[in-house]
Structures are given as C-alpha cells and as structure tokens.
C-alpha cells in the first residue's frame, strides 16, 4: 500500500444516532461519498442533560475513520442526514498508527 498518499491529518470522528437504520444510512453515505474510509457501529447507552432534563438513552455510536482535512464536508453531510437537533460531531486526531492502515485511510478519502 505504499503507493497511497498518506493522510495529512488522520483522525476519528464520533457521532451517535437513535437507531441502527439511521446509523447505517449515515455510514453508507460517508463511505460512498469518500468522506470516510471505515465506519464502525456500536450500541451504547448515553446519559446526558438535554433541555434541563437528565436523559438515559440507547444509541448507536458511529466511529468514523477519515482524514480530518475532510472534516467540514463530513460534518455537513452528517448534519444533513441526522435527525437530532444537535448531533454530536467531534473529531479526535490519530497521533500514531500502522503506516499501512493510515495509507489505506488516505487512499479511501483521497479526492
């Protein structure tokens, strides 16, 4: 995989959804549109405060591997597809990783 352009800014973006169907729809769009290399879906329980009330909800966590140079486009697409008024969309940099895997991420999101 040495012919791929290394990701300039590899990272993980996190968001949650209220259903597996919505999570799958978002994941497939991000992959199809080359905004993400891989998206993992995992069931979680989220406890948070919303509009003054403490909530305890089952959600699906999307773990999105991407080049963070594409973050603005990725954020806009998630926001467009998401049913929450205020979806979690946070980015974490990958500071170290397998060179081959980072090259693979770059190849998948390269325009």
N, C-alpha and C. Protein backbone atom coordinates (compact mmCIF):
# COMPACT_ATOMS: atom_id res chain seq x y z
N UNK A 1 0.81 -1.19 0.00
CA UNK A 1 0.00 0.00 0.00
C UNK A 1 0.86 1.26 0.00
N UNK A 2 2.09 1.13 -0.41
CA UNK A 2 3.00 2.27 -0.37
C UNK A 2 2.70 3.31 -1.43
N UNK A 3 1.84 3.01 -2.42
CA UNK A 3 1.54 3.97 -3.46
C UNK A 3 0.45 4.96 -3.06
N UNK A 4 -0.24 4.75 -1.94
CA UNK A 4 -1.28 5.67 -1.49
C UNK A 4 -0.65 6.91 -0.89
N UNK A 5 -1.33 8.02 -1.02
CA UNK A 5 -0.89 9.26 -0.42
C UNK A 5 -1.21 9.21 1.07
N UNK A 6 -0.23 9.42 1.96
CA UNK A 6 -0.53 9.37 3.39
C UNK A 6 -1.56 10.43 3.78
N UNK A 7 -2.42 10.07 4.71
CA UNK A 7 -3.40 11.04 5.21
C UNK A 7 -2.65 12.19 5.86
N UNK A 8 -2.98 13.40 5.48
CA UNK A 8 -2.32 14.56 6.08
C UNK A 8 -2.72 14.74 7.53
N UNK A 9 -3.93 14.32 7.85
CA UNK A 9 -4.47 14.59 9.16
C UNK A 9 -5.43 13.45 9.56
N UNK A 10 -4.92 12.23 9.75
CA UNK A 10 -5.81 11.12 10.05
C UNK A 10 -6.50 11.30 11.39
N UNK A 11 -7.77 10.89 11.43
CA UNK A 11 -8.50 11.05 12.68
C UNK A 11 -9.74 10.19 12.73
N UNK A 12 -10.39 10.27 13.87
CA UNK A 12 -11.63 9.57 14.14
C UNK A 12 -12.68 10.63 14.46
N UNK A 13 -13.84 10.51 13.84
CA UNK A 13 -14.96 11.39 14.13
C UNK A 13 -16.03 10.54 14.80
N UNK A 14 -16.62 11.06 15.85
CA UNK A 14 -17.66 10.36 16.59
C UNK A 14 -18.99 11.07 16.44
N UNK A 15 -20.04 10.29 16.26
CA UNK A 15 -21.40 10.78 16.32
C UNK A 15 -22.28 9.65 16.82
N UNK A 16 -23.46 9.97 17.32
CA UNK A 16 -24.41 8.96 17.76
C UNK A 16 -25.73 9.18 17.05
N UNK A 17 -26.50 8.10 16.92
CA UNK A 17 -27.84 8.18 16.34
C UNK A 17 -28.81 7.42 17.24
N UNK A 18 -30.09 7.63 16.98
CA UNK A 18 -31.11 6.98 17.79
C UNK A 18 -31.47 5.59 17.28
N UNK A 19 -31.00 5.22 16.07
CA UNK A 19 -31.35 3.91 15.54
C UNK A 19 -30.24 3.33 14.68
N UNK A 20 -30.24 2.02 14.59
CA UNK A 20 -29.26 1.33 13.75
C UNK A 20 -29.49 1.69 12.28
N UNK A 21 -30.74 1.85 11.89
CA UNK A 21 -31.07 2.19 10.50
C UNK A 21 -30.48 3.54 10.11
N UNK A 22 -30.64 4.53 10.98
CA UNK A 22 -30.09 5.86 10.70
C UNK A 22 -28.57 5.81 10.67
N UNK A 23 -27.97 5.09 11.61
CA UNK A 23 -26.51 4.96 11.65
C UNK A 23 -25.99 4.33 10.35
N UNK A 24 -26.67 3.29 9.89
CA UNK A 24 -26.28 2.61 8.65
C UNK A 24 -26.40 3.56 7.46
N UNK A 25 -27.48 4.32 7.41
CA UNK A 25 -27.68 5.27 6.31
C UNK A 25 -26.55 6.30 6.27
N UNK A 26 -26.21 6.85 7.43
CA UNK A 26 -25.13 7.84 7.51
C UNK A 26 -23.80 7.19 7.11
N UNK A 27 -23.51 6.03 7.66
CA UNK A 27 -22.25 5.34 7.37
C UNK A 27 -22.12 5.06 5.88
N UNK A 28 -23.16 4.54 5.27
CA UNK A 28 -23.10 4.22 3.84
C UNK A 28 -22.89 5.47 2.99
N UNK A 29 -23.54 6.57 3.36
CA UNK A 29 -23.35 7.82 2.62
C UNK A 29 -21.90 8.30 2.74
N UNK A 30 -21.34 8.25 3.94
CA UNK A 30 -19.97 8.73 4.13
C UNK A 30 -18.96 7.89 3.35
N UNK A 31 -19.18 6.58 3.31
CA UNK A 31 -18.28 5.70 2.56
C UNK A 31 -18.46 5.93 1.06
N UNK A 32 -19.71 5.97 0.60
CA UNK A 32 -20.00 6.15 -0.82
C UNK A 32 -19.42 7.46 -1.35
N UNK A 33 -19.47 8.49 -0.53
CA UNK A 33 -19.01 9.82 -0.94
C UNK A 33 -17.54 10.08 -0.62
N UNK A 34 -16.81 9.05 -0.23
CA UNK A 34 -15.38 9.13 0.08
C UNK A 34 -15.06 10.13 1.18
N UNK A 35 -15.98 10.30 2.10
CA UNK A 35 -15.73 11.16 3.26
C UNK A 35 -15.17 10.37 4.43
N UNK A 36 -15.26 9.05 4.36
CA UNK A 36 -14.74 8.17 5.41
C UNK A 36 -14.17 6.92 4.77
N UNK A 37 -13.17 6.35 5.42
CA UNK A 37 -12.59 5.10 4.96
C UNK A 37 -13.32 3.91 5.57
N UNK A 38 -13.78 4.06 6.80
CA UNK A 38 -14.43 2.98 7.53
C UNK A 38 -15.30 3.60 8.62
N UNK A 39 -16.46 2.99 8.86
CA UNK A 39 -17.32 3.43 9.95
C UNK A 39 -17.74 2.20 10.75
N UNK A 40 -17.45 2.21 12.04
CA UNK A 40 -17.89 1.15 12.94
C UNK A 40 -19.17 1.61 13.63
N UNK A 41 -20.11 0.68 13.83
CA UNK A 41 -21.35 0.96 14.53
C UNK A 41 -21.38 0.13 15.80
N UNK A 42 -21.65 0.77 16.93
CA UNK A 42 -21.66 0.06 18.20
C UNK A 42 -22.81 0.56 19.07
N UNK A 43 -23.58 -0.36 19.66
CA UNK A 43 -24.64 0.07 20.57
C UNK A 43 -24.04 0.59 21.87
N UNK A 44 -24.59 1.70 22.36
CA UNK A 44 -24.12 2.29 23.60
C UNK A 44 -25.31 2.81 24.40
N UNK A 45 -25.07 3.14 25.66
CA UNK A 45 -26.05 3.85 26.48
C UNK A 45 -25.47 5.23 26.74
N UNK A 46 -26.24 6.25 26.45
CA UNK A 46 -25.80 7.63 26.67
C UNK A 46 -26.63 8.26 27.78
N UNK A 47 -25.94 8.87 28.73
CA UNK A 47 -26.59 9.61 29.81
C UNK A 47 -26.12 11.05 29.67
N UNK A 48 -27.08 11.96 29.53
CA UNK A 48 -26.74 13.35 29.23
C UNK A 48 -27.88 14.26 29.69
N UNK A 49 -27.59 15.55 29.73
CA UNK A 49 -28.61 16.53 30.08
C UNK A 49 -29.06 17.20 28.79
N UNK A 50 -30.38 17.25 28.57
CA UNK A 50 -30.95 17.92 27.39
C UNK A 50 -32.17 18.71 27.83
N UNK A 51 -32.14 20.01 27.56
CA UNK A 51 -33.23 20.92 27.90
C UNK A 51 -33.62 20.79 29.38
N UNK A 52 -32.60 20.73 30.24
CA UNK A 52 -32.81 20.70 31.68
C UNK A 52 -33.17 19.35 32.27
N UNK A 53 -33.27 18.34 31.43
CA UNK A 53 -33.67 17.01 31.90
C UNK A 53 -32.51 16.03 31.70
N UNK A 54 -32.31 15.14 32.67
CA UNK A 54 -31.31 14.10 32.51
C UNK A 54 -31.92 12.95 31.72
N UNK A 55 -31.27 12.60 30.64
CA UNK A 55 -31.76 11.55 29.73
C UNK A 55 -30.85 10.33 29.82
N UNK A 56 -31.42 9.18 29.58
CA UNK A 56 -30.70 7.90 29.58
C UNK A 56 -31.23 7.12 28.38
N UNK A 57 -30.48 7.12 27.27
CA UNK A 57 -30.97 6.57 26.01
C UNK A 57 -30.02 5.55 25.41
N UNK A 58 -30.61 4.58 24.74
CA UNK A 58 -29.84 3.64 23.93
C UNK A 58 -29.58 4.30 22.58
N UNK A 59 -28.34 4.30 22.15
CA UNK A 59 -27.97 4.92 20.88
C UNK A 59 -26.99 4.01 20.13
N UNK A 60 -26.71 4.40 18.90
CA UNK A 60 -25.68 3.74 18.11
C UNK A 60 -24.54 4.74 17.94
N UNK A 61 -23.34 4.34 18.33
CA UNK A 61 -22.14 5.17 18.18
C UNK A 61 -21.51 4.87 16.83
N UNK A 62 -21.27 5.90 16.03
CA UNK A 62 -20.53 5.77 14.79
C UNK A 62 -19.10 6.19 15.06
N UNK A 63 -18.16 5.33 14.73
CA UNK A 63 -16.73 5.59 14.88
C UNK A 63 -16.20 5.69 13.45
N UNK A 64 -15.91 6.90 13.02
CA UNK A 64 -15.63 7.20 11.61
C UNK A 64 -14.15 7.48 11.44
N UNK A 65 -13.48 6.66 10.63
CA UNK A 65 -12.07 6.89 10.33
C UNK A 65 -11.98 7.69 9.03
N UNK A 66 -11.22 8.80 9.09
CA UNK A 66 -11.17 9.71 7.96
C UNK A 66 -9.88 10.52 7.98
N UNK A 67 -9.73 11.39 6.99
CA UNK A 67 -8.70 12.42 7.01
C UNK A 67 -9.41 13.68 7.51
N UNK A 68 -8.95 14.23 8.61
CA UNK A 68 -9.64 15.37 9.21
C UNK A 68 -9.61 16.62 8.33
N UNK A 69 -8.83 16.60 7.26
CA UNK A 69 -8.90 17.68 6.29
C UNK A 69 -10.26 17.69 5.59
N UNK A 70 -11.00 16.60 5.67
CA UNK A 70 -12.34 16.50 5.09
C UNK A 70 -13.44 16.76 6.14
N UNK A 71 -13.05 17.22 7.34
CA UNK A 71 -14.00 17.34 8.45
C UNK A 71 -15.20 18.22 8.11
N UNK A 72 -14.98 19.39 7.53
CA UNK A 72 -16.10 20.29 7.26
C UNK A 72 -17.13 19.64 6.34
N UNK A 73 -16.68 18.95 5.31
CA UNK A 73 -17.59 18.25 4.40
C UNK A 73 -18.30 17.11 5.12
N UNK A 74 -17.54 16.36 5.91
CA UNK A 74 -18.11 15.24 6.65
C UNK A 74 -19.15 15.74 7.65
N UNK A 75 -18.83 16.80 8.37
CA UNK A 75 -19.76 17.38 9.35
C UNK A 75 -21.04 17.84 8.65
N UNK A 76 -20.91 18.51 7.52
CA UNK A 76 -22.09 18.99 6.79
C UNK A 76 -22.98 17.83 6.36
N UNK A 77 -22.36 16.74 5.90
CA UNK A 77 -23.15 15.59 5.44
C UNK A 77 -23.84 14.90 6.61
N UNK A 78 -23.14 14.72 7.72
CA UNK A 78 -23.77 14.12 8.90
C UNK A 78 -24.95 14.98 9.34
N UNK A 79 -24.75 16.29 9.42
CA UNK A 79 -25.81 17.20 9.84
C UNK A 79 -27.01 17.09 8.91
N UNK A 80 -26.77 16.99 7.62
CA UNK A 80 -27.85 16.88 6.64
C UNK A 80 -28.67 15.60 6.83
N UNK A 81 -28.00 14.50 7.15
CA UNK A 81 -28.66 13.20 7.26
C UNK A 81 -29.23 12.90 8.65
N UNK A 82 -28.79 13.63 9.65
CA UNK A 82 -29.09 13.32 11.05
C UNK A 82 -30.46 13.83 11.46
N UNK A 83 -31.13 13.09 12.36
CA UNK A 83 -32.45 13.53 12.82
C UNK A 83 -32.40 14.31 14.14
N UNK A 84 -31.23 14.37 14.80
CA UNK A 84 -31.13 15.12 16.06
C UNK A 84 -31.06 16.62 15.77
N UNK A 85 -31.59 17.42 16.69
CA UNK A 85 -31.46 18.88 16.60
C UNK A 85 -30.01 19.32 16.75
N UNK A 86 -29.28 18.62 17.61
CA UNK A 86 -27.89 18.96 17.89
C UNK A 86 -27.08 17.67 17.97
N UNK A 87 -26.69 17.11 16.83
CA UNK A 87 -25.93 15.85 16.87
C UNK A 87 -24.51 16.06 17.40
N UNK A 88 -24.05 15.06 18.12
CA UNK A 88 -22.63 15.02 18.50
C UNK A 88 -21.83 14.81 17.23
N UNK A 89 -20.89 15.70 16.97
CA UNK A 89 -19.93 15.51 15.88
C UNK A 89 -18.61 16.04 16.41
N UNK A 90 -17.76 15.13 16.86
CA UNK A 90 -16.46 15.54 17.41
C UNK A 90 -15.35 14.77 16.72
N UNK A 91 -14.21 15.41 16.60
CA UNK A 91 -13.07 14.82 15.91
C UNK A 91 -11.90 14.64 16.87
N UNK A 92 -11.27 13.49 16.75
CA UNK A 92 -10.08 13.16 17.55
C UNK A 92 -8.95 12.83 16.59
N UNK A 93 -7.78 13.43 16.76
CA UNK A 93 -6.68 13.11 15.86
C UNK A 93 -6.10 11.73 16.16
N UNK A 94 -5.63 11.07 15.13
CA UNK A 94 -4.85 9.84 15.30
C UNK A 94 -3.40 10.28 15.33
N UNK A 95 -2.77 10.16 16.49
CA UNK A 95 -1.40 10.63 16.63
C UNK A 95 -0.38 9.58 16.23
N UNK A 96 -0.78 8.31 16.29
CA UNK A 96 0.09 7.22 15.87
C UNK A 96 -0.78 6.11 15.33
N UNK A 97 -0.22 5.31 14.44
CA UNK A 97 -0.96 4.19 13.89
C UNK A 97 -0.11 3.43 12.90
N UNK A 98 -0.60 2.30 12.50
CA UNK A 98 0.05 1.49 11.49
C UNK A 98 0.18 2.30 10.21
N UNK A 99 1.38 2.40 9.67
CA UNK A 99 1.59 3.16 8.44
C UNK A 99 0.71 2.64 7.31
N UNK A 100 0.61 1.31 7.19
CA UNK A 100 -0.22 0.74 6.13
C UNK A 100 -1.69 1.13 6.32
N UNK A 101 -2.18 1.12 7.55
CA UNK A 101 -3.58 1.49 7.80
C UNK A 101 -3.81 2.97 7.50
N UNK A 102 -2.90 3.82 7.92
CA UNK A 102 -3.04 5.25 7.65
C UNK A 102 -3.00 5.54 6.15
N UNK A 103 -2.17 4.80 5.41
CA UNK A 103 -2.15 4.92 3.95
C UNK A 103 -3.49 4.48 3.37
N UNK A 104 -4.05 3.42 3.92
CA UNK A 104 -5.35 2.92 3.44
C UNK A 104 -6.44 3.97 3.66
N UNK A 105 -6.46 4.60 4.85
CA UNK A 105 -7.43 5.68 5.11
C UNK A 105 -7.28 6.76 4.04
N UNK A 106 -6.04 7.18 3.82
CA UNK A 106 -5.80 8.24 2.85
C UNK A 106 -6.29 7.87 1.46
N UNK A 107 -6.05 6.63 1.06
CA UNK A 107 -6.47 6.19 -0.28
C UNK A 107 -7.99 6.20 -0.41
N UNK A 108 -8.70 5.93 0.67
CA UNK A 108 -10.17 5.85 0.61
C UNK A 108 -10.82 7.23 0.56
N UNK A 109 -10.22 8.22 1.18
CA UNK A 109 -10.83 9.56 1.24
C UNK A 109 -10.15 10.55 0.31
N UNK A 110 -9.15 10.11 -0.42
CA UNK A 110 -8.43 10.98 -1.34
C UNK A 110 -9.33 11.41 -2.49
N UNK A 111 -9.33 12.67 -2.80
CA UNK A 111 -10.14 13.18 -3.92
C UNK A 111 -9.25 13.36 -5.12
